[in-house]
């Protein structure tokens, strides 16, 4: 017999999505200049699937490379900050400054510095992915069981052994939580950075559609970006379940 909690987890989101769909269709029928009918968006994607997939490939590649750089540097700095307190005082203010700086504001400067290529978009994605994972990694690596740590010290365990056998395993839930936030932030950063300086990518597709008032194309690109982010979060969640078995 299906448990009530499981049933609610399935039914509740369906009810919300159903209500959103009905609201969307009402707006599309009565305020046609704001939203297109949902069927038009699906038809738009169906007419030119290769066009959208090609632009998605550009955006996704920039997002994944940016995520790799941003996440890698965030975890490395978090490890260093856990062991060297003065680095935390030096790096956190800079990280906060990067986090509150709008990515749209730095895109033009990056285009001037690096030209009309993928580098500015990768940097924006890296900056967007950096802060969420930095904070989660630092929190996870710091929040260890003190009694377990005392046992390791009593056994004369080295810093490397403490890190590999205590800090890293206990920080995995925080690391994966941060990775989910970071990978979606990288995707958003990649899309937003493509609003200027390129003719490829979902961001450029959205801008082009906006210029020609093509609502179906604009929302097709937006939904494709959102669905891709959901898939990326799903992949990270699957990896989390495979790695964390306790």
C-alpha atoms as a PDB file:
ATOM      1  CA  UNK A   1       0.000   0.000   0.000  1.00  0.00           C
ATOM      2  CA  UNK A   2       1.312   3.443  -0.931  1.00  0.00           C
ATOM      3  CA  UNK A   3       2.220   5.477   2.123  1.00  0.00           C
ATOM      4  CA  UNK A   4       0.397   8.766   2.632  1.00  0.00           C
ATOM      5  CA  UNK A   5       3.655  10.734   2.772  1.00  0.00           C
ATOM      6  CA  UNK A   6       4.836   9.254  -0.538  1.00  0.00           C
ATOM      7  CA  UNK A   7       1.486  10.026  -2.142  1.00  0.00           C
ATOM      8  CA  UNK A   8       1.644  13.636  -0.947  1.00  0.00           C
ATOM      9  CA  UNK A   9       5.138  14.036  -2.382  1.00  0.00           C
ATOM     10  CA  UNK A  10       3.791  13.053  -5.791  1.00  0.00           C
ATOM     11  CA  UNK A  11       0.370  14.710  -5.724  1.00  0.00           C
ATOM     12  CA  UNK A  12       1.329  18.049  -4.128  1.00  0.00           C
ATOM     13  CA  UNK A  13       3.845  19.076  -6.841  1.00  0.00           C
ATOM     14  CA  UNK A  14       1.420  17.938  -9.554  1.00  0.00           C
ATOM     15  CA  UNK A  15      -1.300  20.151  -8.096  1.00  0.00           C
ATOM     16  CA  UNK A  16       1.060  23.125  -7.965  1.00  0.00           C
ATOM     17  CA  UNK A  17       2.252  22.578 -11.542  1.00  0.00           C
ATOM     18  CA  UNK A  18      -1.349  22.138 -12.657  1.00  0.00           C
ATOM     19  CA  UNK A  19      -2.344  25.436 -11.051  1.00  0.00           C
ATOM     20  CA  UNK A  20       0.659  27.181 -12.622  1.00  0.00           C
ATOM     21  CA  UNK A  21      -0.233  25.746 -16.025  1.00  0.00           C
ATOM     22  CA  UNK A  22      -3.842  26.942 -15.779  1.00  0.00           C
ATOM     23  CA  UNK A  23      -2.680  30.384 -14.681  1.00  0.00           C
ATOM     24  CA  UNK A  24      -0.177  30.488 -17.545  1.00  0.00           C
ATOM     25  CA  UNK A  25      -2.823  29.570 -20.115  1.00  0.00           C
ATOM     26  CA  UNK A  26      -5.234  32.168 -18.744  1.00  0.00           C
ATOM     27  CA  UNK A  27      -2.607  34.901 -19.089  1.00  0.00           C
ATOM     28  CA  UNK A  28      -1.646  33.628 -22.564  1.00  0.00           C
ATOM     29  CA  UNK A  29      -5.246  33.812 -23.746  1.00  0.00           C
ATOM     30  CA  UNK A  30      -6.124  37.157 -22.166  1.00  0.00           C
ATOM     31  CA  UNK A  31      -2.776  38.996 -22.196  1.00  0.00           C
ATOM     32  CA  UNK A  32      -1.153  37.705 -25.366  1.00  0.00           C
ATOM     33  CA  UNK A  33       1.682  40.237 -25.311  1.00  0.00           C
ATOM     34  CA  UNK A  34       2.992  38.824 -22.020  1.00  0.00           C
ATOM     35  CA  UNK A  35       3.018  35.031 -22.390  1.00  0.00           C
ATOM     36  CA  UNK A  36       2.570  32.661 -25.340  1.00  0.00           C
ATOM     37  CA  UNK A  37       0.380  29.545 -25.057  1.00  0.00           C
ATOM     38  CA  UNK A  38       2.339  26.597 -23.748  1.00  0.00           C
ATOM     39  CA  UNK A  39       1.565  24.641 -26.921  1.00  0.00           C
ATOM     40  CA  UNK A  40       3.300  27.343 -28.983  1.00  0.00           C
ATOM     41  CA  UNK A  41       6.478  26.947 -26.924  1.00  0.00           C
ATOM     42  CA  UNK A  42       6.523  23.189 -27.481  1.00  0.00           C
ATOM     43  CA  UNK A  43       5.798  23.694 -31.189  1.00  0.00           C
ATOM     44  CA  UNK A  44       8.640  26.224 -31.439  1.00  0.00           C
ATOM     45  CA  UNK A  45      11.106  23.749 -29.993  1.00  0.00           C
ATOM     46  CA  UNK A  46       9.722  20.992 -32.210  1.00  0.00           C
ATOM     47  CA  UNK A  47      10.275  23.081 -35.354  1.00  0.00           C
ATOM     48  CA  UNK A  48      13.977  23.720 -34.665  1.00  0.00           C
ATOM     49  CA  UNK A  49      15.289  21.179 -32.164  1.00  0.00           C
ATOM     50  CA  UNK A  50      18.841  21.238 -33.547  1.00  0.00           C
ATOM     51  CA  UNK A  51      18.968  25.033 -33.240  1.00  0.00           C
ATOM     52  CA  UNK A  52      18.095  24.877 -29.551  1.00  0.00           C
ATOM     53  CA  UNK A  53      20.293  21.869 -28.807  1.00  0.00           C
ATOM     54  CA  UNK A  54      23.250  23.522 -30.540  1.00  0.00           C
ATOM     55  CA  UNK A  55      22.870  26.663 -28.433  1.00  0.00           C
ATOM     56  CA  UNK A  56      22.305  24.564 -25.327  1.00  0.00           C
ATOM     57  CA  UNK A  57      25.584  22.770 -26.013  1.00  0.00           C
ATOM     58  CA  UNK A  58      27.471  26.085 -26.018  1.00  0.00           C
ATOM     59  CA  UNK A  59      25.869  27.270 -22.782  1.00  0.00           C
ATOM     60  CA  UNK A  60      26.235  23.919 -21.053  1.00  0.00           C
ATOM     61  CA  UNK A  61      29.905  23.583 -22.015  1.00  0.00           C
ATOM     62  CA  UNK A  62      30.694  27.024 -20.575  1.00  0.00           C
ATOM     63  CA  UNK A  63      28.689  26.249 -17.440  1.00  0.00           C
ATOM     64  CA  UNK A  64      30.390  22.896 -16.801  1.00  0.00           C
ATOM     65  CA  UNK A  65      33.907  24.236 -17.375  1.00  0.00           C
ATOM     66  CA  UNK A  66      33.102  27.220 -15.168  1.00  0.00           C
ATOM     67  CA  UNK A  67      31.667  24.929 -12.504  1.00  0.00           C
ATOM     68  CA  UNK A  68      34.805  22.783 -12.575  1.00  0.00           C
ATOM     69  CA  UNK A  69      37.069  25.792 -12.045  1.00  0.00           C
ATOM     70  CA  UNK A  70      34.802  27.497  -9.512  1.00  0.00           C
ATOM     71  CA  UNK A  71      34.048  24.366  -7.492  1.00  0.00           C
ATOM     72  CA  UNK A  72      37.637  23.147  -7.558  1.00  0.00           C
ATOM     73  CA  UNK A  73      39.046  26.450  -6.336  1.00  0.00           C
ATOM     74  CA  UNK A  74      36.286  26.735  -3.708  1.00  0.00           C
ATOM     75  CA  UNK A  75      37.032  23.320  -2.185  1.00  0.00           C
ATOM     76  CA  UNK A  76      40.789  23.924  -2.273  1.00  0.00           C
ATOM     77  CA  UNK A  77      40.455  27.298  -0.545  1.00  0.00           C
ATOM     78  CA  UNK A  78      38.019  25.838   2.000  1.00  0.00           C
ATOM     79  CA  UNK A  79      40.574  23.179   2.952  1.00  0.00           C
ATOM     80  CA  UNK A  80      43.295  25.806   3.320  1.00  0.00           C
ATOM     81  CA  UNK A  81      41.035  28.077   5.387  1.00  0.00           C
ATOM     82  CA  UNK A  82      40.176  25.252   7.781  1.00  0.00           C
ATOM     83  CA  UNK A  83      43.858  24.661   8.525  1.00  0.00           C
ATOM     84  CA  UNK A  84      45.075  28.263   8.284  1.00  0.00           C
ATOM     85  CA  UNK A  85      42.814  30.699  10.115  1.00  0.00           C
ATOM     86  CA  UNK A  86      44.476  33.839   8.739  1.00  0.00           C
ATOM     87  CA  UNK A  87      43.465  32.789   5.212  1.00  0.00           C
ATOM     88  CA  UNK A  88      39.817  32.753   6.274  1.00  0.00           C
ATOM     89  CA  UNK A  89      40.052  36.371   7.434  1.00  0.00           C
ATOM     90  CA  UNK A  90      41.734  37.328   4.157  1.00  0.00           C
ATOM     91  CA  UNK A  91      39.589  35.375   1.681  1.00  0.00           C
ATOM     92  CA  UNK A  92      36.039  35.633   3.068  1.00  0.00           C
ATOM     93  CA  UNK A  93      35.711  39.424   2.454  1.00  0.00           C
ATOM     94  CA  UNK A  94      36.917  38.979  -1.137  1.00  0.00           C
ATOM     95  CA  UNK A  95      34.526  36.056  -1.650  1.00  0.00           C
ATOM     96  CA  UNK A  96      31.637  38.124  -0.276  1.00  0.00           C
ATOM     97  CA  UNK A  97      32.527  40.965  -2.638  1.00  0.00           C
ATOM     98  CA  UNK A  98      32.492  38.578  -5.600  1.00  0.00           C
ATOM     99  CA  UNK A  99      29.181  37.126  -4.463  1.00  0.00           C
ATOM    100  CA  UNK A 100      27.387  40.482  -4.260  1.00  0.00           C
ATOM    101  CA  UNK A 101      28.794  41.755  -7.567  1.00  0.00           C
ATOM    102  CA  UNK A 102      26.162  41.342 -10.332  1.00  0.00           C
ATOM    103  CA  UNK A 103      27.501  39.038 -13.031  1.00  0.00           C
ATOM    104  CA  UNK A 104      25.958  41.284 -15.687  1.00  0.00           C
ATOM    105  CA  UNK A 105      28.166  44.116 -14.450  1.00  0.00           C
ATOM    106  CA  UNK A 106      31.441  42.248 -14.950  1.00  0.00           C
ATOM    107  CA  UNK A 107      30.605  40.686 -18.329  1.00  0.00           C
ATOM    108  CA  UNK A 108      31.454  43.789 -20.424  1.00  0.00           C
ATOM    109  CA  UNK A 109      34.791  44.205 -18.638  1.00  0.00           C
ATOM    110  CA  UNK A 110      35.648  40.549 -19.247  1.00  0.00           C
ATOM    111  CA  UNK A 111      34.743  40.840 -22.928  1.00  0.00           C
ATOM    112  CA  UNK A 112      37.046  43.863 -23.259  1.00  0.00           C
ATOM    113  CA  UNK A 113      39.832  41.979 -21.472  1.00  0.00           C
ATOM    114  CA  UNK A 114      39.551  38.565 -23.147  1.00  0.00           C
ATOM    115  CA  UNK A 115      37.680  39.211 -26.388  1.00  0.00           C
ATOM    116  CA  UNK A 116      34.645  37.654 -28.029  1.00  0.00           C
ATOM    117  CA  UNK A 117      35.255  34.025 -27.103  1.00  0.00           C
ATOM    118  CA  UNK A 118      34.256  31.512 -24.446  1.00  0.00           C
ATOM    119  CA  UNK A 119      36.651  32.787 -21.761  1.00  0.00           C
ATOM    120  CA  UNK A 120      34.440  35.625 -20.387  1.00  0.00           C
ATOM    121  CA  UNK A 121      31.450  33.289 -20.121  1.00  0.00           C
ATOM    122  CA  UNK A 122      33.488  30.603 -18.361  1.00  0.00           C
ATOM    123  CA  UNK A 123      34.824  33.164 -15.881  1.00  0.00           C
ATOM    124  CA  UNK A 124      31.312  34.410 -15.089  1.00  0.00           C
ATOM    125  CA  UNK A 125      30.127  30.821 -14.559  1.00  0.00           C
ATOM    126  CA  UNK A 126      33.141  30.172 -12.308  1.00  0.00           C
ATOM    127  CA  UNK A 127      32.444  33.254 -10.194  1.00  0.00           C
ATOM    128  CA  UNK A 128      28.778  32.273  -9.881  1.00  0.00           C
ATOM    129  CA  UNK A 129      29.668  28.724  -8.818  1.00  0.00           C
ATOM    130  CA  UNK A 130      32.427  29.695  -6.404  1.00  0.00           C
ATOM    131  CA  UNK A 131      30.718  31.174  -3.334  1.00  0.00           C
ATOM    132  CA  UNK A 132      27.967  28.597  -2.572  1.00  0.00           C
ATOM    133  CA  UNK A 133      30.423  25.712  -2.555  1.00  0.00           C
ATOM    134  CA  UNK A 134      33.074  27.670  -0.660  1.00  0.00           C
ATOM    135  CA  UNK A 135      30.726  28.330   2.264  1.00  0.00           C
ATOM    136  CA  UNK A 136      29.301  24.801   2.305  1.00  0.00           C
ATOM    137  CA  UNK A 137      32.731  23.188   2.036  1.00  0.00           C
ATOM    138  CA  UNK A 138      34.160  25.344   4.809  1.00  0.00           C
ATOM    139  CA  UNK A 139      31.173  24.592   7.050  1.00  0.00           C
ATOM    140  CA  UNK A 140      31.340  20.859   6.388  1.00  0.00           C
ATOM    141  CA  UNK A 141      35.092  20.581   6.889  1.00  0.00           C
ATOM    142  CA  UNK A 142      34.890  22.554  10.139  1.00  0.00           C
ATOM    143  CA  UNK A 143      31.851  20.791  11.630  1.00  0.00           C
ATOM    144  CA  UNK A 144      33.491  17.568  12.755  1.00  0.00           C
ATOM    145  CA  UNK A 145      32.678  15.400  15.754  1.00  0.00           C
ATOM    146  CA  UNK A 146      34.971  16.655  18.520  1.00  0.00           C
ATOM    147  CA  UNK A 147      34.987  13.324  20.322  1.00  0.00           C
ATOM    148  CA  UNK A 148      36.014  11.542  17.133  1.00  0.00           C
ATOM    149  CA  UNK A 149      38.691  14.177  16.585  1.00  0.00           C
ATOM    150  CA  UNK A 150      40.016  13.597  20.106  1.00  0.00           C
ATOM    151  CA  UNK A 151      40.216   9.866  19.385  1.00  0.00           C
ATOM    152  CA  UNK A 152      42.262  10.536  16.241  1.00  0.00           C
ATOM    153  CA  UNK A 153      44.588  12.805  18.213  1.00  0.00           C
ATOM    154  CA  UNK A 154      44.959  10.179  20.942  1.00  0.00           C
ATOM    155  CA  UNK A 155      45.987   7.693  18.251  1.00  0.00           C
ATOM    156  CA  UNK A 156      48.585  10.197  16.971  1.00  0.00           C
ATOM    157  CA  UNK A 157      46.892  10.432  13.582  1.00  0.00           C
ATOM    158  CA  UNK A 158      48.492  12.822  11.116  1.00  0.00           C
ATOM    159  CA  UNK A 159      46.660  15.800   9.606  1.00  0.00           C
ATOM    160  CA  UNK A 160      46.338  13.895   6.357  1.00  0.00           C
ATOM    161  CA  UNK A 161      44.738  10.917   8.107  1.00  0.00           C
ATOM    162  CA  UNK A 162      42.354  13.184  10.032  1.00  0.00           C
ATOM    163  CA  UNK A 163      41.381  14.908   6.802  1.00  0.00           C
ATOM    164  CA  UNK A 164      40.867  11.756   4.730  1.00  0.00           C
ATOM    165  CA  UNK A 165      39.173   9.652   7.418  1.00  0.00           C
ATOM    166  CA  UNK A 166      37.249  12.245   9.431  1.00  0.00           C
ATOM    167  CA  UNK A 167      36.917  15.715   7.920  1.00  0.00           C
ATOM    168  CA  UNK A 168      36.275  14.699   4.308  1.00  0.00           C
ATOM    169  CA  UNK A 169      33.691  11.945   4.999  1.00  0.00           C
ATOM    170  CA  UNK A 170      31.781  14.104   7.499  1.00  0.00           C
ATOM    171  CA  UNK A 171      31.751  17.053   5.072  1.00  0.00           C
ATOM    172  CA  UNK A 172      30.266  15.136   2.126  1.00  0.00           C
ATOM    173  CA  UNK A 173      26.614  16.143   2.795  1.00  0.00           C
ATOM    174  CA  UNK A 174      27.655  19.803   2.869  1.00  0.00           C
ATOM    175  CA  UNK A 175      29.812  19.394  -0.241  1.00  0.00           C
ATOM    176  CA  UNK A 176      26.989  17.862  -2.254  1.00  0.00           C
ATOM    177  CA  UNK A 177      24.511  20.475  -1.018  1.00  0.00           C
ATOM    178  CA  UNK A 178      26.935  23.171  -2.127  1.00  0.00           C
ATOM    179  CA  UNK A 179      27.510  21.419  -5.455  1.00  0.00           C
ATOM    180  CA  UNK A 180      23.773  21.504  -6.215  1.00  0.00           C
ATOM    181  CA  UNK A 181      23.682  25.246  -5.612  1.00  0.00           C
ATOM    182  CA  UNK A 182      26.930  25.848  -7.479  1.00  0.00           C
ATOM    183  CA  UNK A 183      26.065  23.921 -10.619  1.00  0.00           C
ATOM    184  CA  UNK A 184      22.746  25.738 -11.016  1.00  0.00           C
ATOM    185  CA  UNK A 185      24.488  29.061 -10.327  1.00  0.00           C
ATOM    186  CA  UNK A 186      27.058  28.219 -13.006  1.00  0.00           C
ATOM    187  CA  UNK A 187      24.254  27.512 -15.481  1.00  0.00           C
ATOM    188  CA  UNK A 188      22.533  30.799 -14.649  1.00  0.00           C
ATOM    189  CA  UNK A 189      25.833  32.673 -14.892  1.00  0.00           C
ATOM    190  CA  UNK A 190      26.569  31.106 -18.266  1.00  0.00           C
ATOM    191  CA  UNK A 191      23.152  32.088 -19.649  1.00  0.00           C
ATOM    192  CA  UNK A 192      23.307  35.648 -18.293  1.00  0.00           C
ATOM    193  CA  UNK A 193      26.848  36.194 -19.582  1.00  0.00           C
ATOM    194  CA  UNK A 194      25.614  35.351 -23.087  1.00  0.00           C
ATOM    195  CA  UNK A 195      23.291  38.351 -23.081  1.00  0.00           C
ATOM    196  CA  UNK A 196      26.202  40.248 -24.640  1.00  0.00           C
ATOM    197  CA  UNK A 197      29.386  39.514 -26.550  1.00  0.00           C
ATOM    198  CA  UNK A 198      28.219  36.409 -28.405  1.00  0.00           C
ATOM    199  CA  UNK A 199      25.702  35.159 -30.946  1.00  0.00           C
ATOM    200  CA  UNK A 200      25.715  31.595 -29.610  1.00  0.00           C
ATOM    201  CA  UNK A 201      24.144  30.075 -26.515  1.00  0.00           C
ATOM    202  CA  UNK A 202      20.767  30.168 -24.817  1.00  0.00           C
ATOM    203  CA  UNK A 203      21.400  33.659 -23.459  1.00  0.00           C
ATOM    204  CA  UNK A 204      22.024  35.004 -26.964  1.00  0.00           C
ATOM    205  CA  UNK A 205      18.922  33.146 -28.158  1.00  0.00           C
ATOM    206  CA  UNK A 206      16.830  34.867 -25.483  1.00  0.00           C
ATOM    207  CA  UNK A 207      18.207  38.299 -26.441  1.00  0.00           C
ATOM    208  CA  UNK A 208      17.570  37.668 -30.146  1.00  0.00           C
ATOM    209  CA  UNK A 209      14.010  36.562 -29.430  1.00  0.00           C
ATOM    210  CA  UNK A 210      13.431  39.625 -27.238  1.00  0.00           C
ATOM    211  CA  UNK A 211      14.636  41.972 -29.978  1.00  0.00           C
ATOM    212  CA  UNK A 212      12.146  40.461 -32.429  1.00  0.00           C
ATOM    213  CA  UNK A 213       9.367  40.064 -29.819  1.00  0.00           C
ATOM    214  CA  UNK A 214       9.351  36.314 -30.427  1.00  0.00           C
ATOM    215  CA  UNK A 215       7.857  35.140 -27.139  1.00  0.00           C
ATOM    216  CA  UNK A 216       7.749  31.468 -28.110  1.00  0.00           C
ATOM    217  CA  UNK A 217      11.480  31.384 -28.905  1.00  0.00           C
ATOM    218  CA  UNK A 218      12.331  33.326 -25.766  1.00  0.00           C
ATOM    219  CA  UNK A 219      10.395  31.013 -23.459  1.00  0.00           C
ATOM    220  CA  UNK A 220      11.597  27.894 -25.267  1.00  0.00           C
ATOM    221  CA  UNK A 221      15.182  28.923 -24.468  1.00  0.00           C
ATOM    222  CA  UNK A 222      14.271  29.826 -20.876  1.00  0.00           C
ATOM    223  CA  UNK A 223      12.522  26.510 -20.242  1.00  0.00           C
ATOM    224  CA  UNK A 224      15.361  24.569 -21.859  1.00  0.00           C
ATOM    225  CA  UNK A 225      17.811  26.306 -19.535  1.00  0.00           C
ATOM    226  CA  UNK A 226      15.650  25.531 -16.499  1.00  0.00           C
ATOM    227  CA  UNK A 227      15.191  21.877 -17.475  1.00  0.00           C
ATOM    228  CA  UNK A 228      18.933  21.511 -18.011  1.00  0.00           C
ATOM    229  CA  UNK A 229      19.571  22.893 -14.525  1.00  0.00           C
ATOM    230  CA  UNK A 230      17.116  20.360 -13.088  1.00  0.00           C
ATOM    231  CA  UNK A 231      18.919  17.538 -14.896  1.00  0.00           C
ATOM    232  CA  UNK A 232      22.272  18.738 -13.549  1.00  0.00           C
ATOM    233  CA  UNK A 233      20.892  18.827 -10.003  1.00  0.00           C
ATOM    234  CA  UNK A 234      19.504  15.332 -10.548  1.00  0.00           C
ATOM    235  CA  UNK A 235      22.932  14.069 -11.625  1.00  0.00           C
ATOM    236  CA  UNK A 236      24.563  15.569  -8.520  1.00  0.00           C
ATOM    237  CA  UNK A 237      21.813  14.056  -6.347  1.00  0.00           C
ATOM    238  CA  UNK A 238      22.390  10.634  -7.915  1.00  0.00           C
ATOM    239  CA  UNK A 239      26.130  10.942  -7.284  1.00  0.00           C
ATOM    240  CA  UNK A 240      25.372  11.908  -3.685  1.00  0.00           C
ATOM    241  CA  UNK A 241      23.272   8.786  -3.151  1.00  0.00           C
ATOM    242  CA  UNK A 242      25.974   6.595  -4.665  1.00  0.00           C
ATOM    243  CA  UNK A 243      28.756   8.128  -2.564  1.00  0.00           C
ATOM    244  CA  UNK A 244      26.953   8.683   0.749  1.00  0.00           C
ATOM    245  CA  UNK A 245      25.472   5.386   1.841  1.00  0.00           C
ATOM    246  CA  UNK A 246      25.021   6.037   5.543  1.00  0.00           C
END
